[in-house]
Protein backbone atom coordinates (compact mmCIF):
# COMPACT_ATOMS: atom_id res chain seq x y z
CA UNK A 1 201.89 209.36 287.60
CA UNK A 2 198.23 208.67 286.85
CA UNK A 3 197.60 207.10 283.34
CA UNK A 4 195.32 209.85 282.39
CA UNK A 5 198.16 212.57 282.74
CA UNK A 6 200.50 210.43 280.99
CA UNK A 7 198.04 210.01 278.15
CA UNK A 8 197.54 213.89 278.19
CA UNK A 9 201.12 214.46 278.00
CA UNK A 10 201.90 211.86 275.41
CA UNK A 11 199.27 213.82 273.24
CA UNK A 12 200.90 217.13 274.15
CA UNK A 13 204.26 215.95 273.33
CA UNK A 14 202.91 214.34 269.98
CA UNK A 15 202.02 218.37 269.04
CA UNK A 16 205.55 219.11 269.87
CA UNK A 17 205.13 220.22 273.42
CA UNK A 18 208.65 220.17 275.16
CA UNK A 19 207.42 220.48 278.54
CA UNK A 20 205.37 217.54 278.05
CA UNK A 21 208.04 215.53 276.50
CA UNK A 22 210.47 216.62 279.55
CA UNK A 23 207.32 215.63 282.08
CA UNK A 24 207.01 212.30 280.35
CA UNK A 25 210.99 211.89 280.87
CA UNK A 26 211.10 212.87 284.56
CA UNK A 27 207.68 210.71 285.39
CA UNK A 28 208.46 207.84 283.57
CA UNK A 29 212.36 207.44 283.86
CA UNK A 30 212.10 205.60 287.80
CA UNK A 31 209.81 202.89 285.74
CA UNK A 32 212.21 202.28 282.78
CA UNK A 33 215.22 202.43 285.06
CA UNK A 34 213.42 199.67 287.56
CA UNK A 35 213.07 197.40 284.69
CA UNK A 36 216.94 198.03 283.74
CA UNK A 37 217.84 197.04 287.43
CA UNK A 38 216.01 194.18 287.49
CA UNK A 39 217.90 192.61 284.98
CA UNK A 40 221.09 193.47 286.62
CA UNK A 41 223.18 195.08 283.51
CA UNK A 42 226.14 196.46 283.84
CA UNK A 43 226.24 200.31 284.12
CA UNK A 44 227.06 200.94 280.58
CA UNK A 45 224.47 197.92 279.07
CA UNK A 46 221.93 199.78 281.41
CA UNK A 47 222.39 203.18 280.25
CA UNK A 48 222.48 201.96 276.79
CA UNK A 49 219.13 200.46 277.23
CA UNK A 50 217.78 203.19 279.17
CA UNK A 51 218.85 205.83 275.84
CA UNK A 52 217.58 203.03 273.64
CA UNK A 53 214.01 203.01 275.35
CA UNK A 54 213.54 206.39 275.15
CA UNK A 55 214.74 206.65 271.85
CA UNK A 56 212.14 204.12 270.19
CA UNK A 57 209.52 205.85 272.32
CA UNK A 58 210.22 208.85 270.29
CA UNK A 59 210.29 207.38 267.23
CA UNK A 60 206.93 205.74 267.81
CA UNK A 61 205.24 208.46 269.79
CA UNK A 62 203.09 209.47 267.26
CA UNK A 63 201.79 205.67 266.70
CA UNK A 64 200.97 204.57 270.26
CA UNK A 65 197.52 203.91 270.16
CA UNK A 66 196.71 204.10 273.63
CA UNK A 67 198.58 207.24 274.89
CA UNK A 68 197.28 206.38 278.46
CA UNK A 69 199.26 203.20 278.63
CA UNK A 70 202.75 204.61 277.54
CA UNK A 71 204.13 203.21 280.77
CA UNK A 72 203.40 199.68 279.81
CA UNK A 73 204.99 200.38 276.54
CA UNK A 74 208.09 201.76 277.93
CA UNK A 75 208.40 198.57 280.33
CA UNK A 76 207.79 196.50 277.96
CA UNK A 77 210.06 198.14 275.34
CA UNK A 78 212.95 198.24 278.33
CA UNK A 79 212.38 194.61 279.10
CA UNK A 80 213.17 193.43 275.18
CA UNK A 81 215.91 195.76 275.01
CA UNK A 82 217.59 194.45 278.69
CA UNK A 83 216.66 190.63 276.83
CA UNK A 84 218.46 191.50 273.46
CA UNK A 85 221.70 192.75 275.53
CA UNK A 86 221.70 189.82 277.94
CA UNK A 87 221.46 187.58 274.66
CA UNK A 88 224.20 189.17 272.85
CA UNK A 89 226.45 188.70 276.43
CA UNK A 90 225.84 185.22 276.13
CA UNK A 91 227.32 184.39 272.76
CA UNK A 92 230.87 183.09 273.07
CA UNK A 93 233.35 183.97 270.54
CA UNK A 94 236.20 181.59 270.67
CA UNK A 95 239.49 182.52 269.81
CA UNK A 96 241.44 179.74 269.27
CA UNK A 97 240.46 175.99 268.50
CA UNK A 98 241.23 175.16 272.22
CA UNK A 99 238.83 177.12 273.37
CA UNK A 100 236.62 175.70 271.19
CA UNK A 101 237.49 171.97 271.96
CA UNK A 102 237.02 172.93 275.74
CA UNK A 103 233.28 174.04 275.36
CA UNK A 104 230.97 171.81 276.40
CA UNK A 105 228.61 170.98 273.82
CA UNK A 106 225.23 172.49 273.65
CA UNK A 107 223.61 169.64 271.97
CA UNK A 108 221.26 167.58 274.09
CA UNK A 109 221.34 163.90 274.32
CA UNK A 110 218.34 162.02 272.90
CA UNK A 111 217.44 161.21 276.40
CA UNK A 112 217.27 164.68 277.60
CA UNK A 113 215.59 165.90 274.62
CA UNK A 114 212.78 163.51 275.25
CA UNK A 115 212.86 164.57 278.96
CA UNK A 116 212.57 168.09 278.08
CA UNK A 117 209.74 167.66 275.69
CA UNK A 118 208.02 165.57 278.02
CA UNK A 119 208.35 168.37 281.02
CA UNK A 120 207.34 171.12 278.52
CA UNK A 121 204.39 169.14 277.53
CA UNK A 122 203.35 168.47 281.27
CA UNK A 123 203.94 172.45 281.65
CA UNK A 124 201.71 173.41 278.79
CA UNK A 125 199.16 171.03 280.22
CA UNK A 126 199.10 172.44 283.51
CA UNK A 127 198.83 175.94 282.06
CA UNK A 128 195.98 174.69 280.17
CA UNK A 129 193.94 173.64 282.85
CA UNK A 130 194.94 176.61 285.10
CA UNK A 131 193.35 178.89 282.63
CA UNK A 132 190.31 176.50 281.79
CA UNK A 133 189.48 176.64 285.62
CA UNK A 134 190.33 180.78 285.79
CA UNK A 135 187.69 180.92 283.12
CA UNK A 136 185.01 178.94 285.56
CA UNK A 137 185.76 181.68 288.15
CA UNK A 138 182.94 184.50 288.54
CA UNK A 139 183.31 187.18 286.60
CA UNK A 140 184.48 189.64 289.45
CA UNK A 141 186.98 187.35 290.65
CA UNK A 142 188.37 187.19 286.56
CA UNK A 143 188.37 190.58 286.13
CA UNK A 144 190.43 191.44 289.29
CA UNK A 145 192.98 188.94 288.52
CA UNK A 146 193.46 190.03 285.10
CA UNK A 147 193.81 193.48 286.27
CA UNK A 148 196.04 192.50 288.95
CA UNK A 149 198.18 190.45 286.50
CA UNK A 150 199.03 193.57 284.85
CA UNK A 151 202.71 194.41 283.81
CA UNK A 152 203.51 196.76 285.39
CA UNK A 153 200.80 196.10 288.13
CA UNK A 154 198.20 199.04 288.85
CA UNK A 155 197.97 200.62 292.11
CA UNK A 156 195.10 199.51 293.97
CA UNK A 157 193.50 202.97 293.69
CA UNK A 158 193.68 202.45 289.94
CA UNK A 159 192.23 199.18 290.63
CA UNK A 160 189.64 200.58 292.60
CA UNK A 161 188.58 203.06 290.15
CA UNK A 162 188.61 200.59 287.04
CA UNK A 163 186.49 197.93 288.64
CA UNK A 164 184.62 200.11 291.05
CA UNK A 165 185.94 198.24 294.48
CA UNK A 166 186.91 199.81 297.63
CA UNK A 167 190.59 200.02 298.08
CA UNK A 168 190.36 197.88 301.11
CA UNK A 169 188.47 195.45 299.78
CA UNK A 170 190.99 194.55 296.76
CA UNK A 171 193.58 192.45 298.80
CA UNK A 172 190.88 190.34 300.89
CA UNK A 173 188.96 189.74 297.40
CA UNK A 174 192.19 188.84 295.68
CA UNK A 175 193.08 186.13 298.49
CA UNK A 176 189.36 184.76 297.98
CA UNK A 177 189.40 184.57 294.34
CA UNK A 178 193.21 182.93 294.18
CA UNK A 179 191.59 180.38 297.41
CA UNK A 180 188.88 179.49 294.86
CA UNK A 181 191.12 178.97 292.00
CA UNK A 182 193.81 176.62 293.90
CA UNK A 183 190.24 174.75 295.49
CA UNK A 184 189.32 174.08 291.75
CA UNK A 185 192.61 173.29 290.70
CA UNK A 186 193.11 170.79 293.70
CA UNK A 187 189.29 168.94 292.95
CA UNK A 188 191.04 168.43 289.39
CA UNK A 189 194.25 167.20 290.27
CA UNK A 190 195.51 169.82 288.23
CA UNK A 191 197.80 171.72 290.72
């Protein structure tokens, strides 16, 4: 479903057009289900998330600032709801003292805390260097890579119309840009 079509349907649904709402649900349900399936929830939890996502969408329909990006809104909401369900599933509710005593401690040793902290610092530095080198790429590369990093990723046709790049040139240009970024990172020893 094209973004412009989605935007028009959202605006019509806000005005009370039931057919527009139905078209939105039919057109964007595969997107919501793909996010739910990617999180490998049980059927019951998946259906619960699916219903919650559409309920929240209906609640916020009139407040969505960028109707053309309703698909992104739905995907983000689905991801958020899936993570809430997963977090709820990981909580253990001990039923007796023995079960509580048998559970391994969740507290980290001081050594593990230090190692985790150092690893997190090193990861943060790698990410900082990556974005620093990314900003040094040419404008065309930065634009293309930013668009291709979107969630959900746009189709090459959408990228073509947004950036004025021929569809057949997008893949090779992307590879060249990523090679330049890798070369910059390797030259600085940041990889």
